[in-house]
Amino acid sequence: MSYRSRRRTRMSSSSSSGIGFSGLLTALFIGLKLTGHITWPWIWVLSPLWISAIIAIIVIRLILSLFTGWTGKSK
């Protein structure tokens, strides 16, 4: 197996697995809250999680409405 084919195989089999931006931000906020550097309520410390969930729901709903004509309103 040549160097190029090994490199191509290694590059194609790599996957992106990590904590992500909202997870990193949440971990940072939790660390700052537990060490006393911020005095925010827990709802705001955990806000990157629920804001990401809300954005995902909105995107899924938009995709559904575009491809199926679903508007969420009953007839």
PDB file of N, CA and C in Angstrom:
ATOM      1  N   MET A   1       0.852  -1.172   0.000  1.00  0.00           N
ATOM      2  CA  MET A   1       0.000   0.000   0.000  1.00  0.00           C
ATOM      3  C   MET A   1       0.900   1.238   0.000  1.00  0.00           C
ATOM      4  N   SER A   2       0.624   2.124  -0.909  1.00  0.00           N
ATOM      5  CA  SER A   2       1.459   3.316  -1.032  1.00  0.00           C
ATOM      6  C   SER A   2       1.087   4.353   0.028  1.00  0.00           C
ATOM      7  N   TYR A   3       1.947   5.342   0.151  1.00  0.00           N
ATOM      8  CA  TYR A   3       1.730   6.416   1.124  1.00  0.00           C
ATOM      9  C   TYR A   3       0.431   7.157   0.812  1.00  0.00           C
ATOM     10  N   ARG A   4       0.193   7.447  -0.476  1.00  0.00           N
ATOM     11  CA  ARG A   4      -1.017   8.195  -0.849  1.00  0.00           C
ATOM     12  C   ARG A   4      -2.287   7.427  -0.508  1.00  0.00           C
ATOM     13  N   SER A   5      -2.324   6.146  -0.786  1.00  0.00           N
ATOM     14  CA  SER A   5      -3.540   5.378  -0.493  1.00  0.00           C
ATOM     15  C   SER A   5      -3.754   5.247   1.008  1.00  0.00           C
ATOM     16  N   ARG A   6      -2.675   5.096   1.793  1.00  0.00           N
ATOM     17  CA  ARG A   6      -2.821   5.057   3.256  1.00  0.00           C
ATOM     18  C   ARG A   6      -3.347   6.383   3.769  1.00  0.00           C
ATOM     19  N   ARG A   7      -2.816   7.470   3.220  1.00  0.00           N
ATOM     20  CA  ARG A   7      -3.236   8.797   3.658  1.00  0.00           C
ATOM     21  C   ARG A   7      -4.701   9.032   3.298  1.00  0.00           C
ATOM     22  N   ARG A   8      -5.110   8.644   2.108  1.00  0.00           N
ATOM     23  CA  ARG A   8      -6.488   8.798   1.665  1.00  0.00           C
ATOM     24  C   ARG A   8      -7.431   7.981   2.554  1.00  0.00           C
ATOM     25  N   THR A   9      -7.039   6.759   2.889  1.00  0.00           N
ATOM     26  CA  THR A   9      -7.858   5.907   3.745  1.00  0.00           C
ATOM     27  C   THR A   9      -7.982   6.508   5.138  1.00  0.00           C
ATOM     28  N   ARG A  10      -6.893   7.006   5.662  1.00  0.00           N
ATOM     29  CA  ARG A  10      -6.910   7.611   6.996  1.00  0.00           C
ATOM     30  C   ARG A  10      -7.774   8.862   7.015  1.00  0.00           C
ATOM     31  N   MET A  11      -7.708   9.684   5.964  1.00  0.00           N
ATOM     32  CA  MET A  11      -8.484  10.908   5.912  1.00  0.00           C
ATOM     33  C   MET A  11      -9.974  10.620   5.747  1.00  0.00           C
ATOM     34  N   SER A  12     -10.337   9.619   4.964  1.00  0.00           N
ATOM     35  CA  SER A  12     -11.748   9.336   4.730  1.00  0.00           C
ATOM     36  C   SER A  12     -12.402   8.646   5.918  1.00  0.00           C
ATOM     37  N   SER A  13     -11.637   7.954   6.737  1.00  0.00           N
ATOM     38  CA  SER A  13     -12.231   7.245   7.863  1.00  0.00           C
ATOM     39  C   SER A  13     -12.271   8.082   9.131  1.00  0.00           C
ATOM     40  N   SER A  14     -11.742   9.285   9.087  1.00  0.00           N
ATOM     41  CA  SER A  14     -11.781  10.112  10.288  1.00  0.00           C
ATOM     42  C   SER A  14     -13.184  10.670  10.472  1.00  0.00           C
ATOM     43  N   SER A  15     -13.596  10.774  11.720  1.00  0.00           N
ATOM     44  CA  SER A  15     -14.914  11.314  12.015  1.00  0.00           C
ATOM     45  C   SER A  15     -14.765  12.436  13.023  1.00  0.00           C
ATOM     46  N   SER A  16     -15.724  13.312  13.003  1.00  0.00           N
ATOM     47  CA  SER A  16     -15.710  14.437  13.923  1.00  0.00           C
ATOM     48  C   SER A  16     -16.465  14.045  15.177  1.00  0.00           C
ATOM     49  N   SER A  17     -15.743  13.874  16.246  1.00  0.00           N
ATOM     50  CA  SER A  17     -16.407  13.590  17.511  1.00  0.00           C
ATOM     51  C   SER A  17     -15.781  14.490  18.557  1.00  0.00           C
ATOM     52  N   GLY A  18     -16.621  15.250  19.181  1.00  0.00           N
ATOM     53  CA  GLY A  18     -16.120  16.162  20.182  1.00  0.00           C
ATOM     54  C   GLY A  18     -17.261  16.749  20.977  1.00  0.00           C
ATOM     55  N   ILE A  19     -16.922  17.647  21.834  1.00  0.00           N
ATOM     56  CA  ILE A  19     -17.913  18.196  22.741  1.00  0.00           C
ATOM     57  C   ILE A  19     -18.776  19.256  22.058  1.00  0.00           C
ATOM     58  N   GLY A  20     -18.271  19.954  21.085  1.00  0.00           N
ATOM     59  CA  GLY A  20     -19.048  20.980  20.408  1.00  0.00           C
ATOM     60  C   GLY A  20     -19.022  22.298  21.157  1.00  0.00           C
ATOM     61  N   PHE A  21     -19.471  23.329  20.474  1.00  0.00           N
ATOM     62  CA  PHE A  21     -19.412  24.675  21.040  1.00  0.00           C
ATOM     63  C   PHE A  21     -20.347  24.838  22.240  1.00  0.00           C
ATOM     64  N   SER A  22     -21.594  24.400  22.100  1.00  0.00           N
ATOM     65  CA  SER A  22     -22.534  24.598  23.209  1.00  0.00           C
ATOM     66  C   SER A  22     -22.152  23.754  24.424  1.00  0.00           C
ATOM     67  N   GLY A  23     -21.618  22.557  24.198  1.00  0.00           N
ATOM     68  CA  GLY A  23     -21.166  21.728  25.312  1.00  0.00           C
ATOM     69  C   GLY A  23     -19.979  22.346  26.029  1.00  0.00           C
ATOM     70  N   LEU A  24     -19.064  22.901  25.250  1.00  0.00           N
ATOM     71  CA  LEU A  24     -17.899  23.568  25.841  1.00  0.00           C
ATOM     72  C   LEU A  24     -18.317  24.807  26.622  1.00  0.00           C
ATOM     73  N   LEU A  25     -19.234  25.571  26.055  1.00  0.00           N
ATOM     74  CA  LEU A  25     -19.718  26.769  26.736  1.00  0.00           C
ATOM     75  C   LEU A  25     -20.459  26.405  28.024  1.00  0.00           C
ATOM     76  N   THR A  26     -21.246  25.339  27.985  1.00  0.00           N
ATOM     77  CA  THR A  26     -21.956  24.889  29.182  1.00  0.00           C
ATOM     78  C   THR A  26     -20.968  24.447  30.260  1.00  0.00           C
ATOM     79  N   ALA A  27     -19.957  23.679  29.868  1.00  0.00           N
ATOM     80  CA  ALA A  27     -18.945  23.240  30.835  1.00  0.00           C
ATOM     81  C   ALA A  27     -18.220  24.444  31.442  1.00  0.00           C
ATOM     82  N   LEU A  28     -17.917  25.437  30.624  1.00  0.00           N
ATOM     83  CA  LEU A  28     -17.268  26.650  31.124  1.00  0.00           C
ATOM     84  C   LEU A  28     -18.159  27.374  32.130  1.00  0.00           C
ATOM     85  N   PHE A  29     -19.441  27.552  31.769  1.00  0.00           N
ATOM     86  CA  PHE A  29     -20.372  28.237  32.669  1.00  0.00           C
ATOM     87  C   PHE A  29     -20.545  27.477  33.980  1.00  0.00           C
ATOM     88  N   ILE A  30     -20.635  26.145  33.915  1.00  0.00           N
ATOM     89  CA  ILE A  30     -20.773  25.348  35.138  1.00  0.00           C
ATOM     90  C   ILE A  30     -19.532  25.497  36.015  1.00  0.00           C
ATOM     91  N   GLY A  31     -18.359  25.457  35.405  1.00  0.00           N
ATOM     92  CA  GLY A  31     -17.120  25.643  36.159  1.00  0.00           C
ATOM     93  C   GLY A  31     -17.051  27.011  36.817  1.00  0.00           C
ATOM     94  N   LEU A  32     -17.442  28.037  36.078  1.00  0.00           N
ATOM     95  CA  LEU A  32     -17.438  29.384  36.652  1.00  0.00           C
ATOM     96  C   LEU A  32     -18.461  29.524  37.775  1.00  0.00           C
ATOM     97  N   LYS A  33     -19.619  28.882  37.617  1.00  0.00           N
ATOM     98  CA  LYS A  33     -20.652  28.935  38.659  1.00  0.00           C
ATOM     99  C   LYS A  33     -20.185  28.209  39.927  1.00  0.00           C
ATOM    100  N   LEU A  34     -19.607  27.021  39.753  1.00  0.00           N
ATOM    101  CA  LEU A  34     -19.185  26.238  40.924  1.00  0.00           C
ATOM    102  C   LEU A  34     -18.000  26.855  41.655  1.00  0.00           C
ATOM    103  N   THR A  35     -17.179  27.607  40.950  1.00  0.00           N
ATOM    104  CA  THR A  35     -16.043  28.256  41.612  1.00  0.00           C
ATOM    105  C   THR A  35     -16.384  29.649  42.137  1.00  0.00           C
ATOM    106  N   GLY A  36     -17.619  30.099  41.899  1.00  0.00           N
ATOM    107  CA  GLY A  36     -18.064  31.379  42.447  1.00  0.00           C
ATOM    108  C   GLY A  36     -17.697  32.588  41.614  1.00  0.00           C
ATOM    109  N   HIS A  37     -17.219  32.400  40.394  1.00  0.00           N
ATOM    110  CA  HIS A  37     -16.848  33.532  39.559  1.00  0.00           C
ATOM    111  C   HIS A  37     -18.046  34.219  38.923  1.00  0.00           C
ATOM    112  N   ILE A  38     -19.146  33.499  38.772  1.00  0.00           N
ATOM    113  CA  ILE A  38     -20.390  34.096  38.308  1.00  0.00           C
ATOM    114  C   ILE A  38     -21.489  33.725  39.283  1.00  0.00           C
ATOM    115  N   THR A  39     -22.471  34.592  39.419  1.00  0.00           N
ATOM    116  CA  THR A  39     -23.578  34.343  40.348  1.00  0.00           C
ATOM    117  C   THR A  39     -24.900  34.238  39.602  1.00  0.00           C
ATOM    118  N   TRP A  40     -24.846  33.794  38.361  1.00  0.00           N
ATOM    119  CA  TRP A  40     -26.052  33.658  37.548  1.00  0.00           C
ATOM    120  C   TRP A  40     -26.936  32.554  38.103  1.00  0.00           C
ATOM    121  N   PRO A  41     -28.245  32.646  37.859  1.00  0.00           N
ATOM    122  CA  PRO A  41     -29.126  31.514  38.181  1.00  0.00           C
ATOM    123  C   PRO A  41     -28.783  30.311  37.294  1.00  0.00           C
ATOM    124  N   TRP A  42     -29.106  29.114  37.772  1.00  0.00           N
ATOM    125  CA  TRP A  42     -28.761  27.905  37.031  1.00  0.00           C
ATOM    126  C   TRP A  42     -29.424  27.844  35.665  1.00  0.00           C
ATOM    127  N   ILE A  43     -30.578  28.476  35.509  1.00  0.00           N
ATOM    128  CA  ILE A  43     -31.258  28.476  34.207  1.00  0.00           C
ATOM    129  C   ILE A  43     -30.386  29.120  33.137  1.00  0.00           C
ATOM    130  N   TRP A  44     -29.622  30.149  33.500  1.00  0.00           N
ATOM    131  CA  TRP A  44     -28.742  30.815  32.539  1.00  0.00           C
ATOM    132  C   TRP A  44     -27.416  30.096  32.387  1.00  0.00           C
ATOM    133  N   VAL A  45     -26.971  29.422  33.433  1.00  0.00           N
ATOM    134  CA  VAL A  45     -25.743  28.626  33.331  1.00  0.00           C
ATOM    135  C   VAL A  45     -25.948  27.496  32.330  1.00  0.00           C
ATOM    136  N   LEU A  46     -27.123  26.909  32.347  1.00  0.00           N
ATOM    137  CA  LEU A  46     -27.439  25.800  31.445  1.00  0.00           C
ATOM    138  C   LEU A  46     -28.072  26.263  30.129  1.00  0.00           C
ATOM    139  N   SER A  47     -28.144  27.558  29.899  1.00  0.00           N
ATOM    140  CA  SER A  47     -28.808  28.093  28.716  1.00  0.00           C
ATOM    141  C   SER A  47     -28.219  27.621  27.379  1.00  0.00           C
ATOM    142  N   PRO A  48     -26.918  27.385  27.238  1.00  0.00           N
ATOM    143  CA  PRO A  48     -26.454  26.880  25.942  1.00  0.00           C
ATOM    144  C   PRO A  48     -27.114  25.562  25.548  1.00  0.00           C
ATOM    145  N   LEU A  49     -27.489  24.736  26.518  1.00  0.00           N
ATOM    146  CA  LEU A  49     -28.146  23.469  26.208  1.00  0.00           C
ATOM    147  C   LEU A  49     -29.562  23.671  25.706  1.00  0.00           C
ATOM    148  N   TRP A  50     -30.352  24.470  26.426  1.00  0.00           N
ATOM    149  CA  TRP A  50     -31.739  24.623  25.998  1.00  0.00           C
ATOM    150  C   TRP A  50     -31.871  25.537  24.796  1.00  0.00           C
ATOM    151  N   ILE A  51     -30.964  26.483  24.625  1.00  0.00           N
ATOM    152  CA  ILE A  51     -31.012  27.318  23.422  1.00  0.00           C
ATOM    153  C   ILE A  51     -30.686  26.473  22.192  1.00  0.00           C
ATOM    154  N   SER A  52     -29.715  25.576  22.309  1.00  0.00           N
ATOM    155  CA  SER A  52     -29.392  24.680  21.194  1.00  0.00           C
ATOM    156  C   SER A  52     -30.568  23.772  20.863  1.00  0.00           C
ATOM    157  N   ALA A  53     -31.257  23.288  21.880  1.00  0.00           N
ATOM    158  CA  ALA A  53     -32.419  22.422  21.654  1.00  0.00           C
ATOM    159  C   ALA A  53     -33.545  23.179  20.957  1.00  0.00           C
ATOM    160  N   ILE A  54     -33.770  24.411  21.360  1.00  0.00           N
ATOM    161  CA  ILE A  54     -34.818  25.226  20.728  1.00  0.00           C
ATOM    162  C   ILE A  54     -34.480  25.492  19.266  1.00  0.00           C
ATOM    163  N   ILE A  55     -33.224  25.815  18.993  1.00  0.00           N
ATOM    164  CA  ILE A  55     -32.801  26.056  17.606  1.00  0.00           C
ATOM    165  C   ILE A  55     -32.970  24.789  16.768  1.00  0.00           C
ATOM    166  N   ALA A  56     -32.626  23.640  17.323  1.00  0.00           N
ATOM    167  CA  ALA A  56     -32.784  22.371  16.595  1.00  0.00           C
ATOM    168  C   ALA A  56     -34.254  22.098  16.297  1.00  0.00           C
ATOM    169  N   ILE A  57     -35.135  22.352  17.248  1.00  0.00           N
ATOM    170  CA  ILE A  57     -36.568  22.146  17.031  1.00  0.00           C
ATOM    171  C   ILE A  57     -37.090  23.072  15.938  1.00  0.00           C
ATOM    172  N   ILE A  58     -36.655  24.319  15.950  1.00  0.00           N
ATOM    173  CA  ILE A  58     -37.079  25.277  14.922  1.00  0.00           C
ATOM    174  C   ILE A  58     -36.602  24.835  13.545  1.00  0.00           C
ATOM    175  N   VAL A  59     -35.358  24.398  13.446  1.00  0.00           N
ATOM    176  CA  VAL A  59     -34.819  23.953  12.157  1.00  0.00           C
ATOM    177  C   VAL A  59     -35.570  22.727  11.649  1.00  0.00           C
ATOM    178  N   ILE A  60     -35.835  21.770  12.528  1.00  0.00           N
ATOM    179  CA  ILE A  60     -36.575  20.564  12.131  1.00  0.00           C
ATOM    180  C   ILE A  60     -37.977  20.932  11.666  1.00  0.00           C
ATOM    181  N   ARG A  61     -38.599  21.840  12.370  1.00  0.00           N
ATOM    182  CA  ARG A  61     -39.948  22.272  11.990  1.00  0.00           C
ATOM    183  C   ARG A  61     -39.945  22.985  10.647  1.00  0.00           C
ATOM    184  N   LEU A  62     -38.943  23.810  10.391  1.00  0.00           N
ATOM    185  CA  LEU A  62     -38.837  24.477   9.091  1.00  0.00           C
ATOM    186  C   LEU A  62     -38.634  23.469   7.967  1.00  0.00           C
ATOM    187  N   ILE A  63     -37.785  22.496   8.198  1.00  0.00           N
ATOM    188  CA  ILE A  63     -37.542  21.469   7.179  1.00  0.00           C
ATOM    189  C   ILE A  63     -38.820  20.690   6.911  1.00  0.00           C
ATOM    190  N   LEU A  64     -39.532  20.319   7.970  1.00  0.00           N
ATOM    191  CA  LEU A  64     -40.797  19.608   7.782  1.00  0.00           C
ATOM    192  C   LEU A  64     -41.803  20.439   7.007  1.00  0.00           C
ATOM    193  N   SER A  65     -41.888  21.709   7.323  1.00  0.00           N
ATOM    194  CA  SER A  65     -42.859  22.550   6.637  1.00  0.00           C
ATOM    195  C   SER A  65     -42.480  22.776   5.173  1.00  0.00           C
ATOM    196  N   LEU A  66     -41.210  22.816   4.869  1.00  0.00           N
ATOM    197  CA  LEU A  66     -40.789  22.999   3.482  1.00  0.00           C
ATOM    198  C   LEU A  66     -41.028  21.761   2.632  1.00  0.00           C
ATOM    199  N   PHE A  67     -40.742  20.584   3.175  1.00  0.00           N
ATOM    200  CA  PHE A  67     -40.815  19.366   2.382  1.00  0.00           C
ATOM    201  C   PHE A  67     -42.166  18.664   2.429  1.00  0.00           C
ATOM    202  N   THR A  68     -42.968  18.918   3.443  1.00  0.00           N
ATOM    203  CA  THR A  68     -44.246  18.216   3.534  1.00  0.00           C
ATOM    204  C   THR A  68     -45.439  19.157   3.529  1.00  0.00           C
ATOM    205  N   GLY A  69     -45.201  20.436   3.601  1.00  0.00           N
ATOM    206  CA  GLY A  69     -46.310  21.377   3.647  1.00  0.00           C
ATOM    207  C   GLY A  69     -46.966  21.465   5.010  1.00  0.00           C
ATOM    208  N   TRP A  70     -46.323  20.907   6.023  1.00  0.00           N
ATOM    209  CA  TRP A  70     -46.864  20.906   7.376  1.00  0.00           C
ATOM    210  C   TRP A  70     -46.691  22.282   7.999  1.00  0.00           C
ATOM    211  N   THR A  71     -47.759  22.848   8.562  1.00  0.00           N
ATOM    212  CA  THR A  71     -47.671  24.154   9.193  1.00  0.00           C
ATOM    213  C   THR A  71     -47.935  24.087  10.681  1.00  0.00           C
ATOM    214  N   GLY A  72     -48.394  22.945  11.175  1.00  0.00           N
ATOM    215  CA  GLY A  72     -48.683  22.822  12.594  1.00  0.00           C
ATOM    216  C   GLY A  72     -50.077  23.255  12.961  1.00  0.00           C
ATOM    217  N   LYS A  73     -50.850  23.749  12.002  1.00  0.00           N
ATOM    218  CA  LYS A  73     -52.215  24.188  12.242  1.00  0.00           C
ATOM    219  C   LYS A  73     -53.177  23.071  11.848  1.00  0.00           C
ATOM    220  N   SER A  74     -54.175  22.847  12.681  1.00  0.00           N
ATOM    221  CA  SER A  74     -55.174  21.844  12.329  1.00  0.00           C
ATOM    222  C   SER A  74     -56.273  22.483  11.499  1.00  0.00           C
ATOM    223  N   LYS A  75     -56.900  21.667  10.677  1.00  0.00           N
ATOM    224  CA  LYS A  75     -57.950  22.207   9.784  1.00  0.00           C
ATOM    225  C   LYS A  75     -59.267  22.299  10.473  1.00  0.00           C
TER     226      LYS A  75
END
